Amino acid sequence: MNPLVVIVILAVLFWVLFALPARRRRRDHEAMQDDLEIGNEIITAGGMHGVVHELDDRQLRIEIAPGVVVTVDRRAIAAVAVPDDDDEAVDGEADETSPDPESASGDR
């Protein structure tokens, strides 16, 4: 087989396997950042969790603790937080479906 054909096939394969998925992820991430709304719980690229209080074209203000509001660049938002099912448990009560670590070890 001609070496030029092999190089072209490898280039197309690289583009299909790496470039297209990366472009799709980047486009989805930018759409998420553009669709932010007041009240969304977000996670920044630095790992801070907060609630969106004000939106601007380039920046937003998030509350990271009661009464503590910081300004961050819109592109620093890594994700919109999804509430965990564990958050529904009442203060300190264990989830009924989670295994008990003491009973898992057993008496052998």
PDB file of N, CA and C in Angstrom:
ATOM      1  N   MET A   1       0.854  -1.170   0.000  1.00  0.00           N
ATOM      2  CA  MET A   1       0.000   0.000   0.000  1.00  0.00           C
ATOM      3  C   MET A   1       0.906   1.241   0.000  1.00  0.00           C
ATOM      4  N   ASN A   2       0.471   2.243  -0.670  1.00  0.00           N
ATOM      5  CA  ASN A   2       1.217   3.493  -0.782  1.00  0.00           C
ATOM      6  C   ASN A   2       1.321   4.171   0.598  1.00  0.00           C
ATOM      7  N   PRO A   3       2.510   4.614   1.015  1.00  0.00           N
ATOM      8  CA  PRO A   3       2.666   5.258   2.327  1.00  0.00           C
ATOM      9  C   PRO A   3       1.811   6.513   2.480  1.00  0.00           C
ATOM     10  N   LEU A   4       1.560   7.212   1.391  1.00  0.00           N
ATOM     11  CA  LEU A   4       0.719   8.415   1.463  1.00  0.00           C
ATOM     12  C   LEU A   4      -0.720   8.051   1.843  1.00  0.00           C
ATOM     13  N   VAL A   5      -1.211   6.945   1.333  1.00  0.00           N
ATOM     14  CA  VAL A   5      -2.568   6.487   1.652  1.00  0.00           C
ATOM     15  C   VAL A   5      -2.661   6.138   3.136  1.00  0.00           C
ATOM     16  N   VAL A   6      -1.644   5.486   3.669  1.00  0.00           N
ATOM     17  CA  VAL A   6      -1.628   5.125   5.084  1.00  0.00           C
ATOM     18  C   VAL A   6      -1.646   6.386   5.959  1.00  0.00           C
ATOM     19  N   ILE A   7      -0.871   7.373   5.588  1.00  0.00           N
ATOM     20  CA  ILE A   7      -0.831   8.629   6.357  1.00  0.00           C
ATOM     21  C   ILE A   7      -2.190   9.324   6.319  1.00  0.00           C
ATOM     22  N   VAL A   8      -2.819   9.348   5.164  1.00  0.00           N
ATOM     23  CA  VAL A   8      -4.141   9.975   5.039  1.00  0.00           C
ATOM     24  C   VAL A   8      -5.162   9.219   5.882  1.00  0.00           C
ATOM     25  N   ILE A   9      -5.139   7.904   5.853  1.00  0.00           N
ATOM     26  CA  ILE A   9      -6.073   7.096   6.655  1.00  0.00           C
ATOM     27  C   ILE A   9      -5.850   7.350   8.140  1.00  0.00           C
ATOM     28  N   LEU A  10      -4.590   7.404   8.572  1.00  0.00           N
ATOM     29  CA  LEU A  10      -4.306   7.685   9.986  1.00  0.00           C
ATOM     30  C   LEU A  10      -4.754   9.079  10.380  1.00  0.00           C
ATOM     31  N   ALA A  11      -4.582  10.062   9.512  1.00  0.00           N
ATOM     32  CA  ALA A  11      -5.024  11.427   9.812  1.00  0.00           C
ATOM     33  C   ALA A  11      -6.542  11.491   9.959  1.00  0.00           C
ATOM     34  N   VAL A  12      -7.266  10.830   9.064  1.00  0.00           N
ATOM     35  CA  VAL A  12      -8.730  10.805   9.144  1.00  0.00           C
ATOM     36  C   VAL A  12      -9.173  10.081  10.411  1.00  0.00           C
ATOM     37  N   LEU A  13      -8.533   8.980  10.731  1.00  0.00           N
ATOM     38  CA  LEU A  13      -8.865   8.228  11.941  1.00  0.00           C
ATOM     39  C   LEU A  13      -8.626   9.071  13.193  1.00  0.00           C
ATOM     40  N   PHE A  14      -7.495   9.767  13.238  1.00  0.00           N
ATOM     41  CA  PHE A  14      -7.205  10.668  14.365  1.00  0.00           C
ATOM     42  C   PHE A  14      -8.285  11.733  14.494  1.00  0.00           C
ATOM     43  N   TRP A  15      -8.667  12.322  13.380  1.00  0.00           N
ATOM     44  CA  TRP A  15      -9.668  13.388  13.401  1.00  0.00           C
ATOM     45  C   TRP A  15     -11.009  12.862  13.921  1.00  0.00           C
ATOM     46  N   VAL A  16     -11.403  11.684  13.469  1.00  0.00           N
ATOM     47  CA  VAL A  16     -12.695  11.113  13.887  1.00  0.00           C
ATOM     48  C   VAL A  16     -12.670  10.710  15.360  1.00  0.00           C
ATOM     49  N   LEU A  17     -11.564  10.140  15.824  1.00  0.00           N
ATOM     50  CA  LEU A  17     -11.500   9.633  17.195  1.00  0.00           C
ATOM     51  C   LEU A  17     -11.190  10.702  18.240  1.00  0.00           C
ATOM     52  N   PHE A  18     -10.481  11.760  17.877  1.00  0.00           N
ATOM     53  CA  PHE A  18     -10.037  12.731  18.871  1.00  0.00           C
ATOM     54  C   PHE A  18     -10.590  14.141  18.644  1.00  0.00           C
ATOM     55  N   ALA A  19     -10.507  14.644  17.446  1.00  0.00           N
ATOM     56  CA  ALA A  19     -10.890  16.034  17.192  1.00  0.00           C
ATOM     57  C   ALA A  19     -12.402  16.244  17.281  1.00  0.00           C
ATOM     58  N   LEU A  20     -13.186  15.384  16.696  1.00  0.00           N
ATOM     59  CA  LEU A  20     -14.643  15.556  16.733  1.00  0.00           C
ATOM     60  C   LEU A  20     -15.209  15.479  18.154  1.00  0.00           C
ATOM     61  N   PRO A  21     -14.860  14.466  18.960  1.00  0.00           N
ATOM     62  CA  PRO A  21     -15.389  14.436  20.329  1.00  0.00           C
ATOM     63  C   PRO A  21     -14.932  15.624  21.166  1.00  0.00           C
ATOM     64  N   ALA A  22     -13.694  16.078  20.978  1.00  0.00           N
ATOM     65  CA  ALA A  22     -13.209  17.239  21.739  1.00  0.00           C
ATOM     66  C   ALA A  22     -13.986  18.485  21.354  1.00  0.00           C
ATOM     67  N   ARG A  23     -14.247  18.654  20.081  1.00  0.00           N
ATOM     68  CA  ARG A  23     -15.024  19.809  19.623  1.00  0.00           C
ATOM     69  C   ARG A  23     -16.444  19.763  20.196  1.00  0.00           C
ATOM     70  N   ARG A  24     -17.038  18.577  20.218  1.00  0.00           N
ATOM     71  CA  ARG A  24     -18.399  18.421  20.743  1.00  0.00           C
ATOM     72  C   ARG A  24     -18.440  18.733  22.240  1.00  0.00           C
ATOM     73  N   ARG A  25     -17.439  18.245  23.008  1.00  0.00           N
ATOM     74  CA  ARG A  25     -17.382  18.542  24.441  1.00  0.00           C
ATOM     75  C   ARG A  25     -17.218  20.034  24.692  1.00  0.00           C
ATOM     76  N   ARG A  26     -16.340  20.685  23.916  1.00  0.00           N
ATOM     77  CA  ARG A  26     -16.116  22.122  24.070  1.00  0.00           C
ATOM     78  C   ARG A  26     -17.392  22.901  23.756  1.00  0.00           C
ATOM     79  N   ARG A  27     -18.098  22.526  22.708  1.00  0.00           N
ATOM     80  CA  ARG A  27     -19.334  23.203  22.325  1.00  0.00           C
ATOM     81  C   ARG A  27     -20.404  23.025  23.409  1.00  0.00           C
ATOM     82  N   ASP A  28     -20.541  21.818  23.962  1.00  0.00           N
ATOM     83  CA  ASP A  28     -21.511  21.565  25.033  1.00  0.00           C
ATOM     84  C   ASP A  28     -21.168  22.363  26.290  1.00  0.00           C
ATOM     85  N   HIS A  29     -19.864  22.456  26.615  1.00  0.00           N
ATOM     86  CA  HIS A  29     -19.435  23.191  27.804  1.00  0.00           C
ATOM     87  C   HIS A  29     -19.709  24.693  27.648  1.00  0.00           C
ATOM     88  N   GLU A  30     -19.427  25.243  26.472  1.00  0.00           N
ATOM     89  CA  GLU A  30     -19.709  26.656  26.229  1.00  0.00           C
ATOM     90  C   GLU A  30     -21.207  26.935  26.266  1.00  0.00           C
ATOM     91  N   ALA A  31     -22.016  26.005  25.758  1.00  0.00           N
ATOM     92  CA  ALA A  31     -23.476  26.173  25.813  1.00  0.00           C
ATOM     93  C   ALA A  31     -23.956  26.164  27.258  1.00  0.00           C
ATOM     94  N   MET A  32     -23.371  25.290  28.100  1.00  0.00           N
ATOM     95  CA  MET A  32     -23.742  25.261  29.517  1.00  0.00           C
ATOM     96  C   MET A  32     -23.404  26.596  30.175  1.00  0.00           C
ATOM     97  N   GLN A  33     -22.232  27.150  29.867  1.00  0.00           N
ATOM     98  CA  GLN A  33     -21.830  28.427  30.458  1.00  0.00           C
ATOM     99  C   GLN A  33     -22.728  29.565  29.982  1.00  0.00           C
ATOM    100  N   ASP A  34     -23.180  29.513  28.752  1.00  0.00           N
ATOM    101  CA  ASP A  34     -24.045  30.568  28.219  1.00  0.00           C
ATOM    102  C   ASP A  34     -25.474  30.449  28.731  1.00  0.00           C
ATOM    103  N   ASP A  35     -25.898  29.269  29.162  1.00  0.00           N
ATOM    104  CA  ASP A  35     -27.270  29.048  29.607  1.00  0.00           C
ATOM    105  C   ASP A  35     -27.459  29.202  31.113  1.00  0.00           C
ATOM    106  N   LEU A  36     -26.457  29.729  31.823  1.00  0.00           N
ATOM    107  CA  LEU A  36     -26.578  29.904  33.272  1.00  0.00           C
ATOM    108  C   LEU A  36     -27.708  30.868  33.596  1.00  0.00           C
ATOM    109  N   GLU A  37     -28.382  30.607  34.709  1.00  0.00           N
ATOM    110  CA  GLU A  37     -29.473  31.458  35.168  1.00  0.00           C
ATOM    111  C   GLU A  37     -29.278  31.775  36.637  1.00  0.00           C
ATOM    112  N   ILE A  38     -29.908  32.840  37.083  1.00  0.00           N
ATOM    113  CA  ILE A  38     -29.863  33.206  38.503  1.00  0.00           C
ATOM    114  C   ILE A  38     -30.510  32.079  39.298  1.00  0.00           C
ATOM    115  N   GLY A  39     -29.837  31.666  40.372  1.00  0.00           N
ATOM    116  CA  GLY A  39     -30.335  30.593  41.218  1.00  0.00           C
ATOM    117  C   GLY A  39     -29.690  29.246  40.939  1.00  0.00           C
ATOM    118  N   ASN A  40     -28.962  29.114  39.810  1.00  0.00           N
ATOM    119  CA  ASN A  40     -28.266  27.857  39.524  1.00  0.00           C
ATOM    120  C   ASN A  40     -27.172  27.620  40.548  1.00  0.00           C
ATOM    121  N   GLU A  41     -27.046  26.372  40.996  1.00  0.00           N
ATOM    122  CA  GLU A  41     -25.919  25.988  41.839  1.00  0.00           C
ATOM    123  C   GLU A  41     -24.814  25.548  40.894  1.00  0.00           C
ATOM    124  N   ILE A  42     -23.629  26.171  41.040  1.00  0.00           N
ATOM    125  CA  ILE A  42     -22.543  25.919  40.107  1.00  0.00           C
ATOM    126  C   ILE A  42     -21.279  25.491  40.837  1.00  0.00           C
ATOM    127  N   ILE A  43     -20.342  24.949  40.056  1.00  0.00           N
ATOM    128  CA  ILE A  43     -19.017  24.588  40.555  1.00  0.00           C
ATOM    129  C   ILE A  43     -18.015  25.290  39.644  1.00  0.00           C
ATOM    130  N   THR A  44     -17.077  26.026  40.239  1.00  0.00           N
ATOM    131  CA  THR A  44     -16.077  26.724  39.435  1.00  0.00           C
ATOM    132  C   THR A  44     -14.933  25.780  39.085  1.00  0.00           C
ATOM    133  N   ALA A  45     -14.074  26.220  38.180  1.00  0.00           N
ATOM    134  CA  ALA A  45     -12.910  25.429  37.795  1.00  0.00           C
ATOM    135  C   ALA A  45     -11.968  25.238  38.982  1.00  0.00           C
ATOM    136  N   GLY A  46     -12.014  26.153  39.951  1.00  0.00           N
ATOM    137  CA  GLY A  46     -11.182  26.043  41.144  1.00  0.00           C
ATOM    138  C   GLY A  46     -11.797  25.174  42.220  1.00  0.00           C
ATOM    139  N   GLY A  47     -13.028  24.691  41.994  1.00  0.00           N
ATOM    140  CA  GLY A  47     -13.665  23.794  42.943  1.00  0.00           C
ATOM    141  C   GLY A  47     -14.619  24.463  43.918  1.00  0.00           C
ATOM    142  N   MET A  48     -14.818  25.774  43.795  1.00  0.00           N
ATOM    143  CA  MET A  48     -15.772  26.442  44.696  1.00  0.00           C
ATOM    144  C   MET A  48     -17.199  26.150  44.247  1.00  0.00           C
ATOM    145  N   HIS A  49     -18.053  25.906  45.227  1.00  0.00           N
ATOM    146  CA  HIS A  49     -19.473  25.702  44.959  1.00  0.00           C
ATOM    147  C   HIS A  49     -20.203  26.975  45.358  1.00  0.00           C
ATOM    148  N   GLY A  50     -21.198  27.357  44.586  1.00  0.00           N
ATOM    149  CA  GLY A  50     -21.935  28.564  44.913  1.00  0.00           C
ATOM    150  C   GLY A  50     -23.239  28.643  44.147  1.00  0.00           C
ATOM    151  N   VAL A  51     -23.999  29.695  44.459  1.00  0.00           N
ATOM    152  CA  VAL A  51     -25.285  29.942  43.825  1.00  0.00           C
ATOM    153  C   VAL A  51     -25.173  31.255  43.048  1.00  0.00           C
ATOM    154  N   VAL A  52     -25.619  31.250  41.797  1.00  0.00           N
ATOM    155  CA  VAL A  52     -25.538  32.437  40.944  1.00  0.00           C
ATOM    156  C   VAL A  52     -26.524  33.492  41.453  1.00  0.00           C
ATOM    157  N   HIS A  53     -26.007  34.724  41.694  1.00  0.00           N
ATOM    158  CA  HIS A  53     -26.849  35.828  42.140  1.00  0.00           C
ATOM    159  C   HIS A  53     -27.031  36.894  41.080  1.00  0.00           C
ATOM    160  N   GLU A  54     -25.994  37.187  40.294  1.00  0.00           N
ATOM    161  CA  GLU A  54     -26.077  38.185  39.227  1.00  0.00           C
ATOM    162  C   GLU A  54     -25.328  37.663  38.007  1.00  0.00           C
ATOM    163  N   LEU A  55     -25.851  37.985  36.828  1.00  0.00           N
ATOM    164  CA  LEU A  55     -25.224  37.579  35.575  1.00  0.00           C
ATOM    165  C   LEU A  55     -24.843  38.800  34.759  1.00  0.00           C
ATOM    166  N   ASP A  56     -23.716  38.708  34.085  1.00  0.00           N
ATOM    167  CA  ASP A  56     -23.255  39.726  33.151  1.00  0.00           C
ATOM    168  C   ASP A  56     -22.779  38.974  31.913  1.00  0.00           C
ATOM    169  N   ASP A  57     -22.419  39.694  30.860  1.00  0.00           N
ATOM    170  CA  ASP A  57     -21.933  39.017  29.654  1.00  0.00           C
ATOM    171  C   ASP A  57     -20.641  38.254  29.899  1.00  0.00           C
ATOM    172  N   ARG A  58     -19.757  38.806  30.729  1.00  0.00           N
ATOM    173  CA  ARG A  58     -18.445  38.200  30.931  1.00  0.00           C
ATOM    174  C   ARG A  58     -18.226  37.684  32.349  1.00  0.00           C
ATOM    175  N   GLN A  59     -18.959  38.189  33.315  1.00  0.00           N
ATOM    176  CA  GLN A  59     -18.756  37.823  34.715  1.00  0.00           C
ATOM    177  C   GLN A  59     -20.083  37.471  35.358  1.00  0.00           C
ATOM    178  N   LEU A  60     -19.976  36.810  36.501  1.00  0.00           N
ATOM    179  CA  LEU A  60     -21.161  36.581  37.311  1.00  0.00           C
ATOM    180  C   LEU A  60     -20.770  36.632  38.774  1.00  0.00           C
ATOM    181  N   ARG A  61     -21.740  36.922  39.588  1.00  0.00           N
ATOM    182  CA  ARG A  61     -21.507  36.991  41.028  1.00  0.00           C
ATOM    183  C   ARG A  61     -22.184  35.783  41.658  1.00  0.00           C
ATOM    184  N   ILE A  62     -21.401  35.063  42.462  1.00  0.00           N
ATOM    185  CA  ILE A  62     -21.925  33.862  43.104  1.00  0.00           C
ATOM    186  C   ILE A  62     -21.771  33.989  44.613  1.00  0.00           C
ATOM    187  N   GLU A  63     -22.728  33.414  45.320  1.00  0.00           N
ATOM    188  CA  GLU A  63     -22.669  33.370  46.777  1.00  0.00           C
ATOM    189  C   GLU A  63     -22.079  32.019  47.160  1.00  0.00           C
ATOM    190  N   ILE A  64     -20.920  32.057  47.831  1.00  0.00           N
ATOM    191  CA  ILE A  64     -20.241  30.813  48.196  1.00  0.00           C
ATOM    192  C   ILE A  64     -20.478  30.440  49.652  1.00  0.00           C
ATOM    193  N   ALA A  65     -20.976  31.385  50.428  1.00  0.00           N
ATOM    194  CA  ALA A  65     -21.351  31.161  51.823  1.00  0.00           C
ATOM    195  C   ALA A  65     -22.386  32.233  52.143  1.00  0.00           C
ATOM    196  N   PRO A  66     -23.175  32.042  53.180  1.00  0.00           N
ATOM    197  CA  PRO A  66     -24.174  33.059  53.514  1.00  0.00           C
ATOM    198  C   PRO A  66     -23.524  34.435  53.693  1.00  0.00           C
ATOM    199  N   GLY A  67     -23.916  35.380  52.827  1.00  0.00           N
ATOM    200  CA  GLY A  67     -23.402  36.736  52.903  1.00  0.00           C
ATOM    201  C   GLY A  67     -22.063  36.953  52.219  1.00  0.00           C
ATOM    202  N   VAL A  68     -21.476  35.908  51.623  1.00  0.00           N
ATOM    203  CA  VAL A  68     -20.181  36.035  50.940  1.00  0.00           C
ATOM    204  C   VAL A  68     -20.417  35.877  49.442  1.00  0.00           C
ATOM    205  N   VAL A  69     -20.303  36.991  48.715  1.00  0.00           N
ATOM    206  CA  VAL A  69     -20.538  36.988  47.273  1.00  0.00           C
ATOM    207  C   VAL A  69     -19.237  37.352  46.577  1.00  0.00           C
ATOM    208  N   VAL A  70     -18.834  36.539  45.589  1.00  0.00           N
ATOM    209  CA  VAL A  70     -17.602  36.789  44.842  1.00  0.00           C
ATOM    210  C   VAL A  70     -17.940  36.933  43.360  1.00  0.00           C
ATOM    211  N   THR A  71     -17.073  37.633  42.650  1.00  0.00           N
ATOM    212  CA  THR A  71     -17.221  37.806  41.209  1.00  0.00           C
ATOM    213  C   THR A  71     -16.245  36.873  40.506  1.00  0.00           C
ATOM    214  N   VAL A  72     -16.739  36.101  39.545  1.00  0.00           N
ATOM    215  CA  VAL A  72     -15.898  35.192  38.780  1.00  0.00           C
ATOM    216  C   VAL A  72     -16.176  35.385  37.293  1.00  0.00           C
ATOM    217  N   ASP A  73     -15.196  35.055  36.482  1.00  0.00           N
ATOM    218  CA  ASP A  73     -15.361  35.093  35.039  1.00  0.00           C
ATOM    219  C   ASP A  73     -16.327  33.980  34.637  1.00  0.00           C
ATOM    220  N   ARG A  74     -17.167  34.258  33.677  1.00  0.00           N
ATOM    221  CA  ARG A  74     -18.165  33.277  33.240  1.00  0.00           C
ATOM    222  C   ARG A  74     -17.502  31.989  32.754  1.00  0.00           C
ATOM    223  N   ARG A  75     -16.338  32.094  32.131  1.00  0.00           N
ATOM    224  CA  ARG A  75     -15.653  30.919  31.595  1.00  0.00           C
ATOM    225  C   ARG A  75     -14.959  30.093  32.677  1.00  0.00           C
ATOM    226  N   ALA A  76     -14.989  30.552  33.920  1.00  0.00           N
ATOM    227  CA  ALA A  76     -14.413  29.780  35.026  1.00  0.00           C
ATOM    228  C   ALA A  76     -15.416  28.788  35.603  1.00  0.00           C
ATOM    229  N   ILE A  77     -16.627  28.757  35.071  1.00  0.00           N
ATOM    230  CA  ILE A  77     -17.647  27.833  35.560  1.00  0.00           C
ATOM    231  C   ILE A  77     -17.404  26.468  34.931  1.00  0.00           C
ATOM    232  N   ALA A  78     -17.158  25.469  35.772  1.00  0.00           N
ATOM    233  CA  ALA A  78     -16.871  24.125  35.286  1.00  0.00           C
ATOM    234  C   ALA A  78     -18.143  23.315  35.064  1.00  0.00           C
ATOM    235  N   ALA A  79     -19.152  23.501  35.935  1.00  0.00           N
ATOM    236  CA  ALA A  79     -20.360  22.683  35.814  1.00  0.00           C
ATOM    237  C   ALA A  79     -21.498  23.302  36.606  1.00  0.00           C
ATOM    238  N   VAL A  80     -22.695  22.916  36.237  1.00  0.00           N
ATOM    239  CA  VAL A  80     -23.874  23.226  37.040  1.00  0.00           C
ATOM    240  C   VAL A  80     -24.064  22.034  37.957  1.00  0.00           C
ATOM    241  N   ALA A  81     -24.141  22.290  39.259  1.00  0.00           N
ATOM    242  CA  ALA A  81     -24.210  21.210  40.242  1.00  0.00           C
ATOM    243  C   ALA A  81     -25.535  20.466  40.117  1.00  0.00           C
ATOM    244  N   VAL A  82     -25.438  19.156  40.208  1.00  0.00           N
ATOM    245  CA  VAL A  82     -26.613  18.286  40.193  1.00  0.00           C
ATOM    246  C   VAL A  82     -26.798  17.776  41.605  1.00  0.00           C
ATOM    247  N   PRO A  83     -27.987  17.977  42.199  1.00  0.00           N
ATOM    248  CA  PRO A  83     -28.175  17.514  43.574  1.00  0.00           C
ATOM    249  C   PRO A  83     -28.051  15.997  43.676  1.00  0.00           C
ATOM    250  N   ASP A  84     -27.362  15.542  44.723  1.00  0.00           N
ATOM    251  CA  ASP A  84     -27.213  14.111  44.982  1.00  0.00           C
ATOM    252  C   ASP A  84     -28.463  13.576  45.646  1.00  0.00           C
ATOM    253  N   ASP A  85     -28.714  12.277  45.483  1.00  0.00           N
ATOM    254  CA  ASP A  85     -29.839  11.647  46.163  1.00  0.00           C
ATOM    255  C   ASP A  85     -29.573  11.578  47.661  1.00  0.00           C
ATOM    256  N   ASP A  86     -28.281  11.578  48.065  1.00  0.00           N
ATOM    257  CA  ASP A  86     -27.931  11.502  49.475  1.00  0.00           C
ATOM    258  C   ASP A  86     -28.337  12.769  50.221  1.00  0.00           C
ATOM    259  N   ASP A  87     -28.508  13.899  49.510  1.00  0.00           N
ATOM    260  CA  ASP A  87     -28.892  15.148  50.153  1.00  0.00           C
ATOM    261  C   ASP A  87     -30.300  15.086  50.742  1.00  0.00           C
ATOM    262  N   GLU A  88     -31.083  14.095  50.319  1.00  0.00           N
ATOM    263  CA  GLU A  88     -32.444  13.984  50.809  1.00  0.00           C
ATOM    264  C   GLU A  88     -32.504  13.368  52.208  1.00  0.00           C
ATOM    265  N   ALA A  89     -31.430  12.742  52.647  1.00  0.00           N
ATOM    266  CA  ALA A  89     -31.411  12.145  53.982  1.00  0.00           C
ATOM    267  C   ALA A  89     -31.503  13.254  55.024  1.00  0.00           C
ATOM    268  N   VAL A  90     -32.221  12.991  56.092  1.00  0.00           N
ATOM    269  CA  VAL A  90     -32.431  13.985  57.135  1.00  0.00           C
ATOM    270  C   VAL A  90     -31.219  14.006  58.049  1.00  0.00           C
ATOM    271  N   ASP A  91     -30.728  15.194  58.384  1.00  0.00           N
ATOM    272  CA  ASP A  91     -29.583  15.461  59.259  1.00  0.00           C
ATOM    273  C   ASP A  91     -29.039  14.235  59.972  1.00  0.00           C
ATOM    274  N   GLY A  92     -27.997  13.645  59.420  1.00  0.00           N
ATOM    275  CA  GLY A  92     -27.283  12.576  60.084  1.00  0.00           C
ATOM    276  C   GLY A  92     -27.892  11.194  59.927  1.00  0.00           C
ATOM    277  N   GLU A  93     -29.083  11.078  59.360  1.00  0.00           N
ATOM    278  CA  GLU A  93     -29.671   9.759  59.178  1.00  0.00           C
ATOM    279  C   GLU A  93     -28.982   9.072  58.018  1.00  0.00           C
ATOM    280  N   ALA A  94     -28.688   7.817  58.169  1.00  0.00           N
ATOM    281  CA  ALA A  94     -28.042   7.052  57.111  1.00  0.00           C
ATOM    282  C   ALA A  94     -29.071   6.679  56.061  1.00  0.00           C
ATOM    283  N   ASP A  95     -28.641   6.549  54.854  1.00  0.00           N
ATOM    284  CA  ASP A  95     -29.513   6.119  53.769  1.00  0.00           C
ATOM    285  C   ASP A  95     -29.851   4.653  53.986  1.00  0.00           C
ATOM    286  N   GLU A  96     -31.116   4.293  53.846  1.00  0.00           N
ATOM    287  CA  GLU A  96     -31.583   2.932  54.103  1.00  0.00           C
ATOM    288  C   GLU A  96     -30.943   1.923  53.145  1.00  0.00           C
ATOM    289  N   THR A  97     -30.613   2.354  51.937  1.00  0.00           N
ATOM    290  CA  THR A  97     -30.083   1.420  50.948  1.00  0.00           C
ATOM    291  C   THR A  97     -28.578   1.224  51.066  1.00  0.00           C
ATOM    292  N   SER A  98     -27.887   2.099  51.794  1.00  0.00           N
ATOM    293  CA  SER A  98     -26.438   1.951  51.903  1.00  0.00           C
ATOM    294  C   SER A  98     -26.102   0.847  52.900  1.00  0.00           C
ATOM    295  N   PRO A  99     -25.086   0.040  52.588  1.00  0.00           N
ATOM    296  CA  PRO A  99     -24.731  -1.056  53.488  1.00  0.00           C
ATOM    297  C   PRO A  99     -24.093  -0.530  54.769  1.00  0.00           C
ATOM    298  N   ASP A 100     -24.304  -1.265  55.841  1.00  0.00           N
ATOM    299  CA  ASP A 100     -23.719  -0.916  57.133  1.00  0.00           C
ATOM    300  C   ASP A 100     -22.295  -1.446  57.150  1.00  0.00           C
ATOM    301  N   PRO A 101     -21.279  -0.576  57.325  1.00  0.00           N
ATOM    302  CA  PRO A 101     -19.903  -1.042  57.261  1.00  0.00           C
ATOM    303  C   PRO A 101     -19.561  -2.086  58.332  1.00  0.00           C
ATOM    304  N   GLU A 102     -20.216  -2.034  59.479  1.00  0.00           N
ATOM    305  CA  GLU A 102     -19.921  -3.007  60.549  1.00  0.00           C
ATOM    306  C   GLU A 102     -20.468  -4.390  60.206  1.00  0.00           C
ATOM    307  N   SER A 103     -21.648  -4.425  59.547  1.00  0.00           N
ATOM    308  CA  SER A 103     -22.226  -5.724  59.218  1.00  0.00           C
ATOM    309  C   SER A 103     -21.540  -6.345  57.999  1.00  0.00           C
ATOM    310  N   ALA A 104     -20.866  -5.513  57.195  1.00  0.00           N
ATOM    311  CA  ALA A 104     -20.191  -6.030  56.003  1.00  0.00           C
ATOM    312  C   ALA A 104     -18.973  -6.872  56.375  1.00  0.00           C
ATOM    313  N   SER A 105     -18.290  -6.533  57.478  1.00  0.00           N
ATOM    314  CA  SER A 105     -17.094  -7.276  57.850  1.00  0.00           C
ATOM    315  C   SER A 105     -17.472  -8.627  58.433  1.00  0.00           C
ATOM    316  N   GLY A 106     -18.567  -8.698  59.157  1.00  0.00           N
ATOM    317  CA  GLY A 106     -19.061  -9.968  59.707  1.00  0.00           C
ATOM    318  C   GLY A 106     -18.160 -10.548  60.773  1.00  0.00           C
ATOM    319  N   ASP A 107     -18.657 -11.521  61.518  1.00  0.00           N
ATOM    320  CA  ASP A 107     -17.873 -12.205  62.540  1.00  0.00           C
ATOM    321  C   ASP A 107     -17.486 -13.568  61.979  1.00  0.00           C
ATOM    322  N   ARG A 108     -16.215 -13.713  61.606  1.00  0.00           N
ATOM    323  CA  ARG A 108     -15.775 -14.971  60.983  1.00  0.00           C
ATOM    324  C   ARG A 108     -14.804 -15.666  61.833  1.00  0.00           C
TER     325      ARG A 108
END
